[in-house]
């Protein structure tokens, strides 16, 4: 039978688990930020398209 982990090994394992949890959270946050950046780019494209439509000369009325 294996002996219990020493206090130091337990500390290291817990620290590694905390680090993994933080990295996973950061990855999720970055993925969310990528989506925000993509949506902002689409929004800016839509705004510029609308602005161009307003700038086009209107056809004269008959």
PDB file of N, CA and C in Angstrom:
ATOM      1  N   UNK A   1       0.840  -1.192   0.000  1.00  0.00           N
ATOM      2  CA  UNK A   1       0.000   0.000   0.000  1.00  0.00           C
ATOM      3  C   UNK A   1       0.875   1.240   0.000  1.00  0.00           C
ATOM      4  N   UNK A   2       0.396   2.227  -0.732  1.00  0.00           N
ATOM      5  CA  UNK A   2       1.125   3.490  -0.753  1.00  0.00           C
ATOM      6  C   UNK A   2       0.865   4.264   0.529  1.00  0.00           C
ATOM      7  N   UNK A   3       1.885   4.973   0.942  1.00  0.00           N
ATOM      8  CA  UNK A   3       1.708   5.855   2.091  1.00  0.00           C
ATOM      9  C   UNK A   3       0.993   7.121   1.633  1.00  0.00           C
ATOM     10  N   UNK A   4       0.485   7.860   2.591  1.00  0.00           N
ATOM     11  CA  UNK A   4      -0.131   9.146   2.260  1.00  0.00           C
ATOM     12  C   UNK A   4       0.923  10.054   1.661  1.00  0.00           C
ATOM     13  N   UNK A   5       0.466  10.978   0.836  1.00  0.00           N
ATOM     14  CA  UNK A   5       1.395  11.973   0.307  1.00  0.00           C
ATOM     15  C   UNK A   5       1.920  12.820   1.463  1.00  0.00           C
ATOM     16  N   UNK A   6       3.157  13.269   1.306  1.00  0.00           N
ATOM     17  CA  UNK A   6       3.687  14.173   2.324  1.00  0.00           C
ATOM     18  C   UNK A   6       2.953  15.511   2.226  1.00  0.00           C
ATOM     19  N   UNK A   7       3.103  16.284   3.245  1.00  0.00           N
ATOM     20  CA  UNK A   7       2.451  17.599   3.279  1.00  0.00           C
ATOM     21  C   UNK A   7       2.914  18.462   2.101  1.00  0.00           C
ATOM     22  N   UNK A   8       4.187  18.381   1.764  1.00  0.00           N
ATOM     23  CA  UNK A   8       4.743  19.165   0.654  1.00  0.00           C
ATOM     24  C   UNK A   8       4.137  18.741  -0.678  1.00  0.00           C
ATOM     25  N   UNK A   9       4.033  17.450  -0.928  1.00  0.00           N
ATOM     26  CA  UNK A   9       3.450  16.949  -2.178  1.00  0.00           C
ATOM     27  C   UNK A   9       1.984  17.358  -2.269  1.00  0.00           C
ATOM     28  N   UNK A  10       1.267  17.272  -1.176  1.00  0.00           N
ATOM     29  CA  UNK A  10      -0.134  17.695  -1.156  1.00  0.00           C
ATOM     30  C   UNK A  10      -0.250  19.182  -1.496  1.00  0.00           C
ATOM     31  N   UNK A  11       0.649  19.992  -0.930  1.00  0.00           N
ATOM     32  CA  UNK A  11       0.659  21.431  -1.216  1.00  0.00           C
ATOM     33  C   UNK A  11       0.902  21.678  -2.704  1.00  0.00           C
ATOM     34  N   UNK A  12       1.895  20.991  -3.268  1.00  0.00           N
ATOM     35  CA  UNK A  12       2.234  21.160  -4.687  1.00  0.00           C
ATOM     36  C   UNK A  12       1.067  20.739  -5.578  1.00  0.00           C
ATOM     37  N   UNK A  13       0.453  19.616  -5.286  1.00  0.00           N
ATOM     38  CA  UNK A  13      -0.683  19.145  -6.092  1.00  0.00           C
ATOM     39  C   UNK A  13      -1.853  20.130  -6.045  1.00  0.00           C
ATOM     40  N   UNK A  14      -2.150  20.642  -4.858  1.00  0.00           N
ATOM     41  CA  UNK A  14      -3.228  21.624  -4.738  1.00  0.00           C
ATOM     42  C   UNK A  14      -2.900  22.908  -5.493  1.00  0.00           C
ATOM     43  N   UNK A  15      -1.637  23.318  -5.427  1.00  0.00           N
ATOM     44  CA  UNK A  15      -1.208  24.511  -6.148  1.00  0.00           C
ATOM     45  C   UNK A  15      -1.347  24.301  -7.658  1.00  0.00           C
ATOM     46  N   UNK A  16      -0.965  23.136  -8.141  1.00  0.00           N
ATOM     47  CA  UNK A  16      -1.105  22.826  -9.565  1.00  0.00           C
ATOM     48  C   UNK A  16      -2.572  22.810  -9.993  1.00  0.00           C
ATOM     49  N   UNK A  17      -3.431  22.244  -9.167  1.00  0.00           N
ATOM     50  CA  UNK A  17      -4.860  22.227  -9.472  1.00  0.00           C
ATOM     51  C   UNK A  17      -5.427  23.646  -9.531  1.00  0.00           C
ATOM     52  N   UNK A  18      -4.995  24.515  -8.626  1.00  0.00           N
ATOM     53  CA  UNK A  18      -5.431  25.915  -8.650  1.00  0.00           C
ATOM     54  C   UNK A  18      -4.957  26.603  -9.923  1.00  0.00           C
ATOM     55  N   UNK A  19      -3.717  26.337 -10.314  1.00  0.00           N
ATOM     56  CA  UNK A  19      -3.170  26.939 -11.524  1.00  0.00           C
ATOM     57  C   UNK A  19      -3.947  26.483 -12.757  1.00  0.00           C
ATOM     58  N   UNK A  20      -4.260  25.211 -12.823  1.00  0.00           N
ATOM     59  CA  UNK A  20      -5.040  24.688 -13.946  1.00  0.00           C
ATOM     60  C   UNK A  20      -6.405  25.352 -13.999  1.00  0.00           C
ATOM     61  N   UNK A  21      -7.063  25.493 -12.853  1.00  0.00           N
ATOM     62  CA  UNK A  21      -8.384  26.128 -12.806  1.00  0.00           C
ATOM     63  C   UNK A  21      -8.305  27.575 -13.295  1.00  0.00           C
ATOM     64  N   UNK A  22      -7.259  28.308 -12.893  1.00  0.00           N
ATOM     65  CA  UNK A  22      -7.097  29.694 -13.331  1.00  0.00           C
ATOM     66  C   UNK A  22      -6.854  29.776 -14.827  1.00  0.00           C
ATOM     67  N   UNK A  23      -6.038  28.875 -15.364  1.00  0.00           N
ATOM     68  CA  UNK A  23      -5.769  28.867 -16.801  1.00  0.00           C
ATOM     69  C   UNK A  23      -7.031  28.552 -17.607  1.00  0.00           C
ATOM     70  N   UNK A  24      -7.822  27.624 -17.117  1.00  0.00           N
ATOM     71  CA  UNK A  24      -9.080  27.303 -17.801  1.00  0.00           C
ATOM     72  C   UNK A  24     -10.032  28.491 -17.789  1.00  0.00           C
ATOM     73  N   UNK A  25     -10.066  29.206 -16.677  1.00  0.00           N
ATOM     74  CA  UNK A  25     -10.919  30.394 -16.579  1.00  0.00           C
ATOM     75  C   UNK A  25     -10.437  31.477 -17.539  1.00  0.00           C
ATOM     76  N   UNK A  26      -9.122  31.683 -17.614  1.00  0.00           N
ATOM     77  CA  UNK A  26      -8.563  32.678 -18.538  1.00  0.00           C
ATOM     78  C   UNK A  26      -8.886  32.322 -19.977  1.00  0.00           C
ATOM     79  N   UNK A  27      -8.778  31.040 -20.309  1.00  0.00           N
ATOM     80  CA  UNK A  27      -9.076  30.605 -21.677  1.00  0.00           C
ATOM     81  C   UNK A  27     -10.531  30.904 -22.016  1.00  0.00           C
ATOM     82  N   UNK A  28     -11.422  30.664 -21.079  1.00  0.00           N
ATOM     83  CA  UNK A  28     -12.841  30.951 -21.291  1.00  0.00           C
ATOM     84  C   UNK A  28     -13.050  32.450 -21.481  1.00  0.00           C
ATOM     85  N   UNK A  29     -12.376  33.261 -20.650  1.00  0.00           N
ATOM     86  CA  UNK A  29     -12.515  34.707 -20.765  1.00  0.00           C
ATOM     87  C   UNK A  29     -11.988  35.210 -22.104  1.00  0.00           C
ATOM     88  N   UNK A  30     -10.885  34.630 -22.577  1.00  0.00           N
ATOM     89  CA  UNK A  30     -10.337  35.031 -23.869  1.00  0.00           C
ATOM     90  C   UNK A  30     -11.282  34.656 -25.004  1.00  0.00           C
ATOM     91  N   UNK A  31     -11.896  33.504 -24.897  1.00  0.00           N
ATOM     92  CA  UNK A  31     -12.851  33.087 -25.924  1.00  0.00           C
ATOM     93  C   UNK A  31     -14.029  34.051 -25.952  1.00  0.00           C
ATOM     94  N   UNK A  32     -14.489  34.472 -24.780  1.00  0.00           N
ATOM     95  CA  UNK A  32     -15.584  35.434 -24.713  1.00  0.00           C
ATOM     96  C   UNK A  32     -15.159  36.767 -25.319  1.00  0.00           C
ATOM     97  N   UNK A  33     -13.934  37.192 -25.040  1.00  0.00           N
ATOM     98  CA  UNK A  33     -13.441  38.462 -25.579  1.00  0.00           C
ATOM     99  C   UNK A  33     -13.307  38.388 -27.097  1.00  0.00           C
ATOM    100  N   UNK A  34     -12.892  37.247 -27.627  1.00  0.00           N
ATOM    101  CA  UNK A  34     -12.804  37.078 -29.076  1.00  0.00           C
ATOM    102  C   UNK A  34     -14.182  37.274 -29.709  1.00  0.00           C
ATOM    103  N   UNK A  35     -15.199  36.747 -29.070  1.00  0.00           N
ATOM    104  CA  UNK A  35     -16.567  36.905 -29.579  1.00  0.00           C
ATOM    105  C   UNK A  35     -16.987  38.367 -29.527  1.00  0.00           C
ATOM    106  N   UNK A  36     -16.632  39.072 -28.453  1.00  0.00           N
ATOM    107  CA  UNK A  36     -16.961  40.498 -28.328  1.00  0.00           C
ATOM    108  C   UNK A  36     -16.279  41.290 -29.437  1.00  0.00           C
ATOM    109  N   UNK A  37     -15.015  41.013 -29.692  1.00  0.00           N
ATOM    110  CA  UNK A  37     -14.273  41.713 -30.746  1.00  0.00           C
ATOM    111  C   UNK A  37     -14.925  41.448 -32.105  1.00  0.00           C
ATOM    112  N   UNK A  38     -15.303  40.211 -32.352  1.00  0.00           N
ATOM    113  CA  UNK A  38     -15.953  39.858 -33.616  1.00  0.00           C
ATOM    114  C   UNK A  38     -17.283  40.608 -33.777  1.00  0.00           C
ATOM    115  N   UNK A  39     -18.071  40.650 -32.724  1.00  0.00           N
ATOM    116  CA  UNK A  39     -19.360  41.343 -32.792  1.00  0.00           C
ATOM    117  C   UNK A  39     -19.181  42.846 -32.984  1.00  0.00           C
ATOM    118  N   UNK A  40     -18.168  43.425 -32.333  1.00  0.00           N
ATOM    119  CA  UNK A  40     -17.906  44.852 -32.518  1.00  0.00           C
ATOM    120  C   UNK A  40     -17.495  45.144 -33.957  1.00  0.00           C
ATOM    121  N   UNK A  41     -16.684  44.281 -34.553  1.00  0.00           N
ATOM    122  CA  UNK A  41     -16.269  44.464 -35.944  1.00  0.00           C
ATOM    123  C   UNK A  41     -17.480  44.400 -36.875  1.00  0.00           C
ATOM    124  N   UNK A  42     -18.356  43.442 -36.631  1.00  0.00           N
ATOM    125  CA  UNK A  42     -19.576  43.334 -37.441  1.00  0.00           C
ATOM    126  C   UNK A  42     -20.447  44.577 -37.268  1.00  0.00           C
ATOM    127  N   UNK A  43     -20.539  45.071 -36.046  1.00  0.00           N
ATOM    128  CA  UNK A  43     -21.331  46.270 -35.772  1.00  0.00           C
ATOM    129  C   UNK A  43     -20.753  47.478 -36.510  1.00  0.00           C
ATOM    130  N   UNK A  44     -19.424  47.618 -36.470  1.00  0.00           N
ATOM    131  CA  UNK A  44     -18.789  48.742 -37.171  1.00  0.00           C
ATOM    132  C   UNK A  44     -19.013  48.649 -38.667  1.00  0.00           C
ATOM    133  N   UNK A  45     -18.955  47.426 -39.218  1.00  0.00           N
ATOM    134  CA  UNK A  45     -19.213  47.241 -40.640  1.00  0.00           C
ATOM    135  C   UNK A  45     -20.647  47.640 -40.976  1.00  0.00           C
ATOM    136  N   UNK A  46     -21.581  47.254 -40.145  1.00  0.00           N
ATOM    137  CA  UNK A  46     -22.987  47.617 -40.375  1.00  0.00           C
ATOM    138  C   UNK A  46     -23.173  49.125 -40.299  1.00  0.00           C
ATOM    139  N   UNK A  47     -22.537  49.765 -39.338  1.00  0.00           N
ATOM    140  CA  UNK A  47     -22.646  51.218 -39.210  1.00  0.00           C
ATOM    141  C   UNK A  47     -22.074  51.927 -40.425  1.00  0.00           C
ATOM    142  N   UNK A  48     -20.920  51.442 -40.918  1.00  0.00           N
ATOM    143  CA  UNK A  48     -20.320  52.101 -42.081  1.00  0.00           C
ATOM    144  C   UNK A  48     -21.186  51.891 -43.322  1.00  0.00           C
ATOM    145  N   UNK A  49     -21.819  50.733 -43.431  1.00  0.00           N
ATOM    146  CA  UNK A  49     -22.714  50.477 -44.561  1.00  0.00           C
ATOM    147  C   UNK A  49     -23.910  51.421 -44.511  1.00  0.00           C
ATOM    148  N   UNK A  50     -24.480  51.600 -43.342  1.00  0.00           N
ATOM    149  CA  UNK A  50     -25.620  52.516 -43.182  1.00  0.00           C
ATOM    150  C   UNK A  50     -25.181  53.952 -43.495  1.00  0.00           C
ATOM    151  N   UNK A  51     -24.016  54.341 -43.020  1.00  0.00           N
ATOM    152  CA  UNK A  51     -23.516  55.694 -43.286  1.00  0.00           C
ATOM    153  C   UNK A  51     -23.332  55.919 -44.782  1.00  0.00           C
ATOM    154  N   UNK A  52     -22.823  54.931 -45.494  1.00  0.00           N
ATOM    155  CA  UNK A  52     -22.646  55.057 -46.953  1.00  0.00           C
ATOM    156  C   UNK A  52     -23.995  55.206 -47.646  1.00  0.00           C
ATOM    157  N   UNK A  53     -24.988  54.470 -47.168  1.00  0.00           N
ATOM    158  CA  UNK A  53     -26.321  54.560 -47.786  1.00  0.00           C
ATOM    159  C   UNK A  53     -26.901  55.966 -47.624  1.00  0.00           C
ATOM    160  N   UNK A  54     -26.672  56.581 -46.475  1.00  0.00           N
ATOM    161  CA  UNK A  54     -27.171  57.936 -46.260  1.00  0.00           C
ATOM    162  C   UNK A  54     -26.418  58.959 -47.104  1.00  0.00           C
ATOM    163  N   UNK A  55     -25.171  58.648 -47.452  1.00  0.00           N
ATOM    164  CA  UNK A  55     -24.365  59.586 -48.226  1.00  0.00           C
ATOM    165  C   UNK A  55     -24.627  59.497 -49.720  1.00  0.00           C
ATOM    166  N   UNK A  56     -25.226  58.404 -50.199  1.00  0.00           N
ATOM    167  CA  UNK A  56     -25.497  58.254 -51.632  1.00  0.00           C
ATOM    168  C   UNK A  56     -26.519  59.298 -52.046  1.00  0.00           C
ATOM    169  N   UNK A  57     -26.281  59.899 -53.234  1.00  0.00           N
ATOM    170  CA  UNK A  57     -27.251  60.912 -53.692  1.00  0.00           C
ATOM    171  C   UNK A  57     -28.612  60.250 -53.977  1.00  0.00           C
ATOM    172  N   UNK A  58     -29.626  60.980 -53.627  1.00  0.00           N
ATOM    173  CA  UNK A  58     -30.973  60.477 -53.864  1.00  0.00           C
ATOM    174  C   UNK A  58     -31.366  60.757 -55.307  1.00  0.00           C
ATOM    175  N   UNK A  59     -32.151  59.848 -55.864  1.00  0.00           N
ATOM    176  CA  UNK A  59     -32.629  60.027 -57.230  1.00  0.00           C
ATOM    177  C   UNK A  59     -33.628  61.201 -57.249  1.00  0.00           C
ATOM    178  N   UNK A  60     -33.540  62.044 -58.282  1.00  0.00           N
ATOM    179  CA  UNK A  60     -34.483  63.176 -58.347  1.00  0.00           C
ATOM    180  C   UNK A  60     -35.928  62.688 -58.486  1.00  0.00           C
ATOM    181  N   UNK A  61     -36.818  63.430 -57.866  1.00  0.00           N
ATOM    182  CA  UNK A  61     -38.252  63.086 -57.954  1.00  0.00           C
ATOM    183  C   UNK A  61     -38.776  63.549 -59.286  1.00  0.00           C
ATOM    184  N   UNK A  62     -39.672  62.805 -59.837  1.00  0.00           N
ATOM    185  CA  UNK A  62     -40.277  63.160 -61.122  1.00  0.00           C
ATOM    186  C   UNK A  62     -41.619  63.767 -60.961  1.00  0.00           C
TER     187      UNK A  62
END
